[in-house]
Amino acid sequence: MKLSGTLGCLRLAASALLAFSFGTLAGYGDNAIPETGQQAPDFTLPSQDGSPVSLKDFKGKWVVLYFYPKDNTPGCTIEAHNFQRDLSKYEAENAVIVGVSVDSSDSHKDFCAKQGLTFKLLADTDKKVVEEYGSLRNMAGIKIAARNTFLIDPQGRIVKVWTGVDPGKHSQEVLAELSQQEGKKS
């Protein structure tokens, strides 16, 4: 009887330690996530073809700036496929899709070729933009981008922020919000 009580305490202690470790290891960087109404922080990063892309390049358009953890992983592939599937709907709303991760341009080039992606994927290997957008995540000692999205209006202001998104339904959520935002202007 005493052994089962000790095992129960050990299990509880192990669970608490794992929860604490996971919370610490999966924590976000020190930078806060920019809020709605703020001017979106500008940046210039290389795309999958190596050419520099800046946020200001899209002035006058809606920008769906999405951060994702890693090329060629299941959730990231689903999210990218859904954005690609809906690309004509975004274009009809005067919107562009821009993905950012800490992977290299070469990794993005491979991911785009393998998955048939035609929108811009940007390489933030220095992790500066990911951190500036409050989306740097530390997972088991590896720094990656958290799955966060920012909807930026044609004047460069953040109008909606999603954190920890569900990659399977996220494109639909963004399209619904974009349509709602366009409706507010009518």
N, C-alpha and C. Protein backbone atom coordinates (compact mmCIF):
# COMPACT_ATOMS: atom_id res chain seq x y z
N MET A 1 0.82 -1.19 0.00
CA MET A 1 0.00 0.00 0.00
C MET A 1 0.87 1.26 0.00
N LYS A 2 1.92 1.21 0.81
CA LYS A 2 2.81 2.36 0.90
C LYS A 2 3.52 2.62 -0.43
N LEU A 3 3.86 1.55 -1.17
CA LEU A 3 4.54 1.69 -2.44
C LEU A 3 3.65 2.40 -3.45
N SER A 4 2.36 2.08 -3.50
CA SER A 4 1.47 2.74 -4.46
C SER A 4 1.32 4.22 -4.13
N GLY A 5 1.34 4.57 -2.85
CA GLY A 5 1.27 5.97 -2.48
C GLY A 5 2.52 6.72 -2.92
N THR A 6 3.67 6.10 -2.75
CA THR A 6 4.94 6.70 -3.18
C THR A 6 4.96 6.85 -4.70
N LEU A 7 4.50 5.81 -5.41
CA LEU A 7 4.45 5.89 -6.87
C LEU A 7 3.52 7.01 -7.33
N GLY A 8 2.42 7.16 -6.63
CA GLY A 8 1.48 8.24 -6.98
C GLY A 8 2.13 9.61 -6.81
N CYS A 9 2.88 9.79 -5.71
CA CYS A 9 3.58 11.05 -5.48
C CYS A 9 4.65 11.28 -6.54
N LEU A 10 5.37 10.21 -6.89
CA LEU A 10 6.40 10.33 -7.92
C LEU A 10 5.77 10.70 -9.26
N ARG A 11 4.65 10.07 -9.59
CA ARG A 11 3.96 10.39 -10.85
C ARG A 11 3.52 11.86 -10.85
N LEU A 12 2.98 12.31 -9.73
CA LEU A 12 2.53 13.69 -9.62
C LEU A 12 3.71 14.65 -9.77
N ALA A 13 4.82 14.34 -9.12
CA ALA A 13 6.01 15.19 -9.21
C ALA A 13 6.55 15.20 -10.64
N ALA A 14 6.57 14.03 -11.28
CA ALA A 14 7.04 13.95 -12.66
C ALA A 14 6.13 14.75 -13.59
N SER A 15 4.83 14.65 -13.38
CA SER A 15 3.87 15.40 -14.20
C SER A 15 4.07 16.90 -14.03
N ALA A 16 4.27 17.33 -12.78
CA ALA A 16 4.49 18.76 -12.52
C ALA A 16 5.78 19.23 -13.18
N LEU A 17 6.83 18.42 -13.09
CA LEU A 17 8.11 18.78 -13.69
C LEU A 17 7.98 18.87 -15.21
N LEU A 18 7.29 17.90 -15.81
CA LEU A 18 7.08 17.94 -17.26
C LEU A 18 6.27 19.16 -17.67
N ALA A 19 5.22 19.44 -16.92
CA ALA A 19 4.40 20.61 -17.24
C ALA A 19 5.21 21.89 -17.14
N PHE A 20 6.01 22.00 -16.08
CA PHE A 20 6.86 23.18 -15.93
C PHE A 20 7.87 23.26 -17.06
N SER A 21 8.53 22.14 -17.35
CA SER A 21 9.54 22.12 -18.42
C SER A 21 8.92 22.45 -19.75
N PHE A 22 7.78 21.85 -20.06
CA PHE A 22 7.15 22.12 -21.35
C PHE A 22 6.75 23.59 -21.43
N GLY A 23 6.21 24.11 -20.35
CA GLY A 23 5.82 25.52 -20.36
C GLY A 23 7.02 26.43 -20.57
N THR A 24 8.14 26.08 -19.97
CA THR A 24 9.35 26.88 -20.13
C THR A 24 9.95 26.68 -21.51
N LEU A 25 10.04 25.43 -21.94
CA LEU A 25 10.67 25.14 -23.23
C LEU A 25 9.84 25.65 -24.40
N ALA A 26 8.53 25.64 -24.24
CA ALA A 26 7.68 26.06 -25.35
C ALA A 26 7.27 27.52 -25.22
N GLY A 27 7.94 28.25 -24.34
CA GLY A 27 7.57 29.64 -24.10
C GLY A 27 7.90 30.54 -25.28
N TYR A 28 7.35 31.72 -25.23
CA TYR A 28 7.57 32.70 -26.28
C TYR A 28 8.70 33.62 -25.90
N GLY A 29 9.21 34.35 -26.88
CA GLY A 29 10.29 35.30 -26.64
C GLY A 29 9.82 36.44 -25.76
N ASP A 30 10.73 37.35 -25.48
CA ASP A 30 10.43 38.47 -24.61
C ASP A 30 9.55 39.52 -25.27
N ASN A 31 9.60 39.63 -26.60
CA ASN A 31 8.84 40.67 -27.30
C ASN A 31 7.35 40.38 -27.27
N ALA A 32 6.59 41.42 -27.04
CA ALA A 32 5.15 41.30 -27.03
C ALA A 32 4.62 41.24 -28.46
N ILE A 33 3.49 40.60 -28.62
CA ILE A 33 2.84 40.53 -29.92
C ILE A 33 2.24 41.90 -30.22
N PRO A 34 2.52 42.45 -31.40
CA PRO A 34 1.92 43.75 -31.76
C PRO A 34 0.38 43.65 -31.70
N GLU A 35 -0.25 44.73 -31.30
CA GLU A 35 -1.69 44.74 -31.11
C GLU A 35 -2.41 45.34 -32.30
N THR A 36 -3.71 45.05 -32.37
CA THR A 36 -4.53 45.65 -33.42
C THR A 36 -4.49 47.17 -33.25
N GLY A 37 -4.50 47.86 -34.39
CA GLY A 37 -4.44 49.31 -34.40
C GLY A 37 -3.03 49.85 -34.54
N GLN A 38 -2.04 49.03 -34.21
CA GLN A 38 -0.64 49.45 -34.33
C GLN A 38 -0.19 49.40 -35.78
N GLN A 39 0.79 50.24 -36.11
CA GLN A 39 1.45 50.13 -37.40
C GLN A 39 2.26 48.83 -37.38
N ALA A 40 2.14 48.05 -38.44
CA ALA A 40 2.89 46.78 -38.51
C ALA A 40 4.38 47.08 -38.65
N PRO A 41 5.22 46.42 -37.86
CA PRO A 41 6.66 46.63 -38.00
C PRO A 41 7.13 46.26 -39.41
N ASP A 42 7.87 47.16 -40.05
CA ASP A 42 8.37 46.90 -41.39
C ASP A 42 9.56 45.95 -41.30
N PHE A 43 9.85 45.30 -42.41
CA PHE A 43 10.96 44.36 -42.47
C PHE A 43 11.35 44.16 -43.93
N THR A 44 12.53 43.60 -44.12
CA THR A 44 12.98 43.12 -45.43
C THR A 44 13.65 41.78 -45.18
N LEU A 45 13.15 40.74 -45.87
CA LEU A 45 13.69 39.39 -45.75
C LEU A 45 13.79 38.76 -47.13
N PRO A 46 14.68 37.79 -47.30
CA PRO A 46 14.76 37.09 -48.59
C PRO A 46 13.61 36.08 -48.75
N SER A 47 13.11 36.00 -49.99
CA SER A 47 12.05 35.04 -50.29
C SER A 47 12.65 33.72 -50.76
N GLN A 48 11.78 32.81 -51.16
CA GLN A 48 12.24 31.50 -51.61
C GLN A 48 13.14 31.57 -52.84
N ASP A 49 13.04 32.64 -53.61
CA ASP A 49 13.93 32.78 -54.77
C ASP A 49 15.16 33.64 -54.46
N GLY A 50 15.29 34.05 -53.19
CA GLY A 50 16.44 34.84 -52.76
C GLY A 50 16.26 36.33 -52.89
N SER A 51 15.19 36.79 -53.55
CA SER A 51 14.98 38.23 -53.72
C SER A 51 14.45 38.85 -52.43
N PRO A 52 14.88 40.08 -52.13
CA PRO A 52 14.41 40.74 -50.90
C PRO A 52 12.95 41.16 -51.03
N VAL A 53 12.19 40.95 -49.97
CA VAL A 53 10.78 41.34 -49.91
C VAL A 53 10.59 42.17 -48.65
N SER A 54 9.96 43.33 -48.82
CA SER A 54 9.67 44.22 -47.68
C SER A 54 8.16 44.34 -47.50
N LEU A 55 7.76 44.58 -46.27
CA LEU A 55 6.34 44.80 -46.02
C LEU A 55 5.84 45.99 -46.84
N LYS A 56 6.67 47.02 -46.95
CA LYS A 56 6.26 48.23 -47.68
C LYS A 56 6.01 47.96 -49.17
N ASP A 57 6.52 46.84 -49.69
CA ASP A 57 6.26 46.47 -51.09
C ASP A 57 4.78 46.24 -51.35
N PHE A 58 4.02 45.99 -50.29
CA PHE A 58 2.61 45.65 -50.43
C PHE A 58 1.67 46.78 -50.03
N LYS A 59 2.21 48.00 -49.92
CA LYS A 59 1.37 49.15 -49.55
C LYS A 59 0.20 49.25 -50.55
N GLY A 60 -0.99 49.46 -50.03
CA GLY A 60 -2.18 49.53 -50.86
C GLY A 60 -2.89 48.19 -50.99
N LYS A 61 -2.31 47.15 -50.40
CA LYS A 61 -2.92 45.81 -50.41
C LYS A 61 -3.10 45.33 -48.97
N TRP A 62 -4.03 44.42 -48.79
CA TRP A 62 -4.15 43.71 -47.53
C TRP A 62 -3.03 42.69 -47.50
N VAL A 63 -2.43 42.49 -46.34
CA VAL A 63 -1.37 41.49 -46.19
C VAL A 63 -1.76 40.50 -45.10
N VAL A 64 -1.71 39.22 -45.45
CA VAL A 64 -1.88 38.14 -44.49
C VAL A 64 -0.45 37.67 -44.19
N LEU A 65 0.08 38.13 -43.07
CA LEU A 65 1.44 37.80 -42.66
C LEU A 65 1.34 36.66 -41.65
N TYR A 66 1.73 35.47 -42.11
CA TYR A 66 1.60 34.33 -41.19
C TYR A 66 2.96 33.74 -40.87
N PHE A 67 3.14 33.44 -39.60
CA PHE A 67 4.36 32.82 -39.10
C PHE A 67 4.06 31.35 -38.87
N TYR A 68 5.01 30.50 -39.24
CA TYR A 68 4.81 29.06 -39.09
C TYR A 68 6.13 28.41 -38.66
N PRO A 69 6.04 27.25 -37.98
CA PRO A 69 7.24 26.65 -37.40
C PRO A 69 8.28 26.10 -38.38
N LYS A 70 7.89 25.28 -39.36
CA LYS A 70 8.91 24.59 -40.15
C LYS A 70 8.36 24.09 -41.48
N ASP A 71 9.15 24.28 -42.53
CA ASP A 71 8.81 23.76 -43.85
C ASP A 71 8.67 22.24 -43.82
N ASN A 72 7.78 21.75 -44.68
CA ASN A 72 7.61 20.30 -44.91
C ASN A 72 7.24 19.51 -43.67
N THR A 73 6.53 20.13 -42.75
CA THR A 73 5.99 19.40 -41.60
C THR A 73 4.47 19.35 -41.77
N PRO A 74 3.80 18.40 -41.15
CA PRO A 74 2.38 18.19 -41.44
C PRO A 74 1.48 19.43 -41.27
N GLY A 75 1.51 20.06 -40.11
CA GLY A 75 0.64 21.22 -39.87
C GLY A 75 0.96 22.39 -40.79
N CYS A 76 2.24 22.64 -40.99
CA CYS A 76 2.67 23.75 -41.85
C CYS A 76 2.30 23.49 -43.31
N THR A 77 2.37 22.24 -43.71
CA THR A 77 1.99 21.88 -45.08
C THR A 77 0.49 22.06 -45.28
N ILE A 78 -0.30 21.64 -44.32
CA ILE A 78 -1.76 21.82 -44.41
C ILE A 78 -2.10 23.31 -44.49
N GLU A 79 -1.50 24.11 -43.62
CA GLU A 79 -1.79 25.54 -43.60
C GLU A 79 -1.41 26.17 -44.94
N ALA A 80 -0.23 25.85 -45.46
CA ALA A 80 0.22 26.41 -46.73
C ALA A 80 -0.67 25.96 -47.88
N HIS A 81 -1.06 24.69 -47.89
CA HIS A 81 -1.96 24.19 -48.94
C HIS A 81 -3.29 24.94 -48.93
N ASN A 82 -3.81 25.19 -47.75
CA ASN A 82 -5.09 25.89 -47.66
C ASN A 82 -4.98 27.34 -48.13
N PHE A 83 -3.88 28.02 -47.80
CA PHE A 83 -3.68 29.37 -48.32
C PHE A 83 -3.55 29.32 -49.84
N GLN A 84 -2.81 28.34 -50.35
CA GLN A 84 -2.66 28.20 -51.81
C GLN A 84 -4.01 27.92 -52.47
N ARG A 85 -4.78 27.02 -51.89
CA ARG A 85 -6.11 26.68 -52.42
C ARG A 85 -6.99 27.92 -52.53
N ASP A 86 -6.89 28.81 -51.55
CA ASP A 86 -7.75 29.99 -51.49
C ASP A 86 -7.11 31.23 -52.09
N LEU A 87 -5.97 31.09 -52.73
CA LEU A 87 -5.21 32.25 -53.21
C LEU A 87 -6.04 33.16 -54.11
N SER A 88 -6.84 32.61 -55.00
CA SER A 88 -7.65 33.45 -55.89
C SER A 88 -8.68 34.26 -55.10
N LYS A 89 -9.17 33.72 -54.00
CA LYS A 89 -10.12 34.45 -53.15
C LYS A 89 -9.42 35.63 -52.48
N TYR A 90 -8.17 35.43 -52.06
CA TYR A 90 -7.40 36.52 -51.46
C TYR A 90 -7.11 37.59 -52.50
N GLU A 91 -6.73 37.16 -53.68
CA GLU A 91 -6.43 38.12 -54.75
C GLU A 91 -7.68 38.94 -55.09
N ALA A 92 -8.85 38.32 -55.06
CA ALA A 92 -10.10 39.04 -55.32
C ALA A 92 -10.38 40.10 -54.26
N GLU A 93 -9.81 39.92 -53.07
CA GLU A 93 -9.96 40.88 -51.96
C GLU A 93 -8.79 41.85 -51.89
N ASN A 94 -7.93 41.87 -52.92
CA ASN A 94 -6.75 42.73 -52.95
C ASN A 94 -5.80 42.39 -51.79
N ALA A 95 -5.63 41.09 -51.54
CA ALA A 95 -4.79 40.63 -50.44
C ALA A 95 -3.69 39.71 -50.94
N VAL A 96 -2.55 39.76 -50.25
CA VAL A 96 -1.44 38.86 -50.53
C VAL A 96 -1.17 38.00 -49.30
N ILE A 97 -0.65 36.82 -49.56
CA ILE A 97 -0.24 35.90 -48.50
C ILE A 97 1.28 35.96 -48.41
N VAL A 98 1.80 36.10 -47.21
CA VAL A 98 3.25 36.10 -46.99
C VAL A 98 3.52 35.23 -45.76
N GLY A 99 4.26 34.15 -45.96
CA GLY A 99 4.63 33.26 -44.86
C GLY A 99 6.04 33.54 -44.40
N VAL A 100 6.27 33.39 -43.10
CA VAL A 100 7.61 33.60 -42.52
C VAL A 100 7.93 32.47 -41.55
N SER A 101 9.13 31.90 -41.72
CA SER A 101 9.65 30.97 -40.72
C SER A 101 11.15 31.24 -40.59
N VAL A 102 11.79 30.52 -39.70
CA VAL A 102 13.23 30.70 -39.51
C VAL A 102 14.04 29.79 -40.42
N ASP A 103 13.35 29.04 -41.30
CA ASP A 103 14.04 28.20 -42.28
C ASP A 103 14.74 29.08 -43.33
N SER A 104 15.67 28.50 -44.05
CA SER A 104 16.44 29.22 -45.08
C SER A 104 15.64 29.39 -46.37
N SER A 105 16.11 30.28 -47.22
CA SER A 105 15.50 30.46 -48.54
C SER A 105 15.52 29.16 -49.34
N ASP A 106 16.62 28.40 -49.23
CA ASP A 106 16.70 27.12 -49.93
C ASP A 106 15.65 26.14 -49.44
N SER A 107 15.43 26.12 -48.14
CA SER A 107 14.38 25.26 -47.57
C SER A 107 13.01 25.68 -48.11
N HIS A 108 12.77 27.00 -48.14
CA HIS A 108 11.51 27.52 -48.68
C HIS A 108 11.35 27.16 -50.15
N LYS A 109 12.43 27.28 -50.90
CA LYS A 109 12.38 26.96 -52.34
C LYS A 109 11.97 25.50 -52.53
N ASP A 110 12.56 24.61 -51.75
CA ASP A 110 12.22 23.19 -51.80
C ASP A 110 10.76 22.95 -51.40
N PHE A 111 10.34 23.60 -50.32
CA PHE A 111 8.97 23.47 -49.83
C PHE A 111 7.98 23.93 -50.89
N CYS A 112 8.23 25.07 -51.51
CA CYS A 112 7.34 25.60 -52.55
C CYS A 112 7.28 24.66 -53.76
N ALA A 113 8.43 24.16 -54.18
CA ALA A 113 8.47 23.26 -55.34
C ALA A 113 7.74 21.95 -55.03
N LYS A 114 8.00 21.41 -53.86
CA LYS A 114 7.41 20.14 -53.47
C LYS A 114 5.89 20.24 -53.28
N GLN A 115 5.42 21.39 -52.76
CA GLN A 115 4.01 21.54 -52.42
C GLN A 115 3.22 22.39 -53.41
N GLY A 116 3.87 22.91 -54.45
CA GLY A 116 3.17 23.71 -55.46
C GLY A 116 2.71 25.06 -54.94
N LEU A 117 3.51 25.69 -54.10
CA LEU A 117 3.16 26.98 -53.51
C LEU A 117 3.66 28.12 -54.39
N THR A 118 2.82 29.12 -54.60
CA THR A 118 3.20 30.24 -55.47
C THR A 118 3.28 31.57 -54.75
N PHE A 119 2.89 31.63 -53.49
CA PHE A 119 2.99 32.88 -52.75
C PHE A 119 4.37 32.96 -52.08
N LYS A 120 4.69 34.12 -51.52
CA LYS A 120 6.01 34.37 -50.94
C LYS A 120 6.17 33.71 -49.57
N LEU A 121 7.29 33.02 -49.42
CA LEU A 121 7.74 32.52 -48.12
C LEU A 121 9.06 33.21 -47.83
N LEU A 122 9.16 33.81 -46.66
CA LEU A 122 10.34 34.60 -46.31
C LEU A 122 11.17 33.90 -45.25
N ALA A 123 12.48 34.01 -45.41
CA ALA A 123 13.44 33.35 -44.52
C ALA A 123 13.95 34.33 -43.48
N ASP A 124 13.62 34.08 -42.23
CA ASP A 124 14.09 34.92 -41.12
C ASP A 124 15.09 34.11 -40.29
N THR A 125 16.22 33.78 -40.91
CA THR A 125 17.21 32.93 -40.24
C THR A 125 17.84 33.61 -39.03
N ASP A 126 17.82 34.94 -38.99
CA ASP A 126 18.32 35.67 -37.81
C ASP A 126 17.28 35.79 -36.71
N LYS A 127 16.03 35.41 -37.03
CA LYS A 127 14.92 35.39 -36.07
C LYS A 127 14.51 36.77 -35.56
N LYS A 128 14.94 37.83 -36.25
CA LYS A 128 14.66 39.19 -35.79
C LYS A 128 13.20 39.59 -36.04
N VAL A 129 12.68 39.29 -37.21
CA VAL A 129 11.30 39.66 -37.54
C VAL A 129 10.33 38.80 -36.74
N VAL A 130 10.62 37.51 -36.63
CA VAL A 130 9.78 36.62 -35.82
C VAL A 130 9.69 37.15 -34.40
N GLU A 131 10.82 37.58 -33.86
CA GLU A 131 10.83 38.12 -32.50
C GLU A 131 10.11 39.46 -32.42
N GLU A 132 10.31 40.31 -33.43
CA GLU A 132 9.66 41.63 -33.43
C GLU A 132 8.13 41.51 -33.44
N TYR A 133 7.64 40.44 -34.05
CA TYR A 133 6.20 40.18 -34.07
C TYR A 133 5.76 39.30 -32.90
N GLY A 134 6.62 39.16 -31.90
CA GLY A 134 6.26 38.41 -30.69
C GLY A 134 5.96 36.95 -30.96
N SER A 135 6.57 36.40 -32.01
CA SER A 135 6.24 35.05 -32.45
C SER A 135 7.41 34.08 -32.40
N LEU A 136 8.43 34.39 -31.61
CA LEU A 136 9.55 33.47 -31.46
C LEU A 136 9.23 32.50 -30.34
N ARG A 137 9.38 31.23 -30.64
CA ARG A 137 9.05 30.18 -29.68
C ARG A 137 10.27 29.30 -29.48
N ASN A 138 10.50 28.92 -28.25
CA ASN A 138 11.60 28.04 -27.91
C ASN A 138 11.02 26.67 -27.62
N MET A 139 11.34 25.70 -28.47
CA MET A 139 10.79 24.35 -28.28
C MET A 139 11.94 23.37 -28.12
N ALA A 140 12.12 22.90 -26.90
CA ALA A 140 13.18 21.95 -26.58
C ALA A 140 14.55 22.47 -27.01
N GLY A 141 14.77 23.77 -26.79
CA GLY A 141 16.06 24.38 -27.08
C GLY A 141 16.23 24.86 -28.52
N ILE A 142 15.24 24.65 -29.35
CA ILE A 142 15.29 25.09 -30.75
C ILE A 142 14.32 26.26 -30.92
N LYS A 143 14.82 27.35 -31.49
CA LYS A 143 13.97 28.52 -31.69
C LYS A 143 13.28 28.41 -33.05
N ILE A 144 11.95 28.49 -33.00
CA ILE A 144 11.13 28.42 -34.20
C ILE A 144 10.08 29.52 -34.14
N ALA A 145 9.37 29.69 -35.23
CA ALA A 145 8.26 30.66 -35.24
C ALA A 145 7.01 29.99 -34.70
N ALA A 146 6.26 30.72 -33.90
CA ALA A 146 4.96 30.25 -33.43
C ALA A 146 3.96 30.43 -34.56
N ARG A 147 2.89 29.67 -34.53
CA ARG A 147 1.87 29.72 -35.57
C ARG A 147 0.91 30.88 -35.28
N ASN A 148 1.35 32.09 -35.66
CA ASN A 148 0.58 33.32 -35.46
C ASN A 148 0.37 34.01 -36.80
N THR A 149 -0.73 34.75 -36.92
CA THR A 149 -1.03 35.46 -38.16
C THR A 149 -1.47 36.88 -37.85
N PHE A 150 -1.05 37.80 -38.73
CA PHE A 150 -1.40 39.21 -38.61
C PHE A 150 -2.07 39.65 -39.91
N LEU A 151 -3.26 40.21 -39.79
CA LEU A 151 -3.93 40.79 -40.96
C LEU A 151 -3.62 42.28 -40.93
N ILE A 152 -2.97 42.74 -42.01
CA ILE A 152 -2.50 44.12 -42.09
C ILE A 152 -3.27 44.82 -43.20
N ASP A 153 -3.81 45.99 -42.88
CA ASP A 153 -4.64 46.70 -43.87
C ASP A 153 -3.76 47.41 -44.91
N PRO A 154 -4.39 47.96 -45.96
CA PRO A 154 -3.61 48.60 -47.03
C PRO A 154 -2.78 49.81 -46.58
N GLN A 155 -3.06 50.36 -45.40
CA GLN A 155 -2.26 51.47 -44.87
C GLN A 155 -1.16 50.98 -43.94
N GLY A 156 -1.04 49.68 -43.75
CA GLY A 156 0.03 49.13 -42.93
C GLY A 156 -0.30 48.95 -41.46
N ARG A 157 -1.58 49.03 -41.09
CA ARG A 157 -1.98 48.84 -39.68
C ARG A 157 -2.47 47.42 -39.45
N ILE A 158 -2.16 46.90 -38.30
CA ILE A 158 -2.64 45.56 -37.92
C ILE A 158 -4.10 45.67 -37.52
N VAL A 159 -4.95 44.88 -38.18
CA VAL A 159 -6.38 44.93 -37.86
C VAL A 159 -6.87 43.66 -37.16
N LYS A 160 -6.09 42.60 -37.23
CA LYS A 160 -6.48 41.35 -36.55
C LYS A 160 -5.23 40.53 -36.29
N VAL A 161 -5.21 39.88 -35.12
CA VAL A 161 -4.11 39.00 -34.73
C VAL A 161 -4.70 37.66 -34.31
N TRP A 162 -4.14 36.59 -34.84
CA TRP A 162 -4.49 35.24 -34.40
C TRP A 162 -3.24 34.61 -33.83
N THR A 163 -3.36 33.95 -32.68
CA THR A 163 -2.21 33.25 -32.09
C THR A 163 -2.57 31.77 -31.96
N GLY A 164 -1.56 30.93 -32.12
CA GLY A 164 -1.76 29.48 -31.96
C GLY A 164 -2.87 28.94 -32.85
N VAL A 165 -2.84 29.27 -34.11
CA VAL A 165 -3.95 28.94 -35.01
C VAL A 165 -4.04 27.45 -35.33
N ASP A 166 -5.22 27.04 -35.74
CA ASP A 166 -5.48 25.68 -36.22
C ASP A 166 -5.22 25.70 -37.72
N PRO A 167 -4.17 25.03 -38.18
CA PRO A 167 -3.81 25.12 -39.60
C PRO A 167 -4.88 24.60 -40.56
N GLY A 168 -5.73 23.70 -40.10
CA GLY A 168 -6.76 23.13 -40.95
C GLY A 168 -7.87 24.07 -41.33
N LYS A 169 -8.18 25.02 -40.47
CA LYS A 169 -9.30 25.92 -40.75
C LYS A 169 -8.89 27.40 -40.79
N HIS A 170 -7.61 27.67 -40.67
CA HIS A 170 -7.17 29.05 -40.52
C HIS A 170 -7.43 29.91 -41.75
N SER A 171 -7.18 29.40 -42.93
CA SER A 171 -7.40 30.21 -44.14
C SER A 171 -8.85 30.68 -44.21
N GLN A 172 -9.78 29.82 -43.86
CA GLN A 172 -11.20 30.19 -43.87
C GLN A 172 -11.47 31.30 -42.85
N GLU A 173 -10.84 31.22 -41.68
CA GLU A 173 -10.99 32.27 -40.66
C GLU A 173 -10.48 33.61 -41.18
N VAL A 174 -9.33 33.58 -41.83
CA VAL A 174 -8.73 34.81 -42.34
C VAL A 174 -9.61 35.40 -43.44
N LEU A 175 -10.09 34.56 -44.35
CA LEU A 175 -10.96 35.05 -45.42
C LEU A 175 -12.24 35.67 -44.86
N ALA A 176 -12.80 35.05 -43.83
CA ALA A 176 -14.02 35.59 -43.21
C ALA A 176 -13.74 36.96 -42.59
N GLU A 177 -12.62 37.10 -41.91
CA GLU A 177 -12.25 38.38 -41.30
C GLU A 177 -11.96 39.43 -42.38
N LEU A 178 -11.28 39.03 -43.42
CA LEU A 178 -10.97 39.95 -44.52
C LEU A 178 -12.26 40.46 -45.16
N SER A 179 -13.20 39.57 -45.36
CA SER A 179 -14.50 39.96 -45.93
C SER A 179 -15.24 40.91 -44.98
N GLN A 180 -15.16 40.63 -43.69
CA GLN A 180 -15.80 41.50 -42.69
C GLN A 180 -15.14 42.88 -42.68
N GLN A 181 -13.83 42.92 -42.78
CA GLN A 181 -13.11 44.19 -42.81
C GLN A 181 -13.47 45.00 -44.06
N GLU A 182 -13.56 44.34 -45.18
CA GLU A 182 -13.95 45.00 -46.42
C GLU A 182 -15.38 45.53 -46.31
N GLY A 183 -16.24 44.78 -45.63
CA GLY A 183 -17.63 45.19 -45.43
C GLY A 183 -17.74 46.46 -44.60
N LYS A 184 -16.81 46.63 -43.63
CA LYS A 184 -16.81 47.82 -42.78
C LYS A 184 -16.52 49.08 -43.58
N LYS A 185 -15.79 48.92 -44.67
CA LYS A 185 -15.40 50.07 -45.48
C LYS A 185 -16.49 50.46 -46.47
N SER A 186 -17.41 49.55 -46.72
CA SER A 186 -18.48 49.84 -47.70
C SER A 186 -19.55 50.74 -47.14
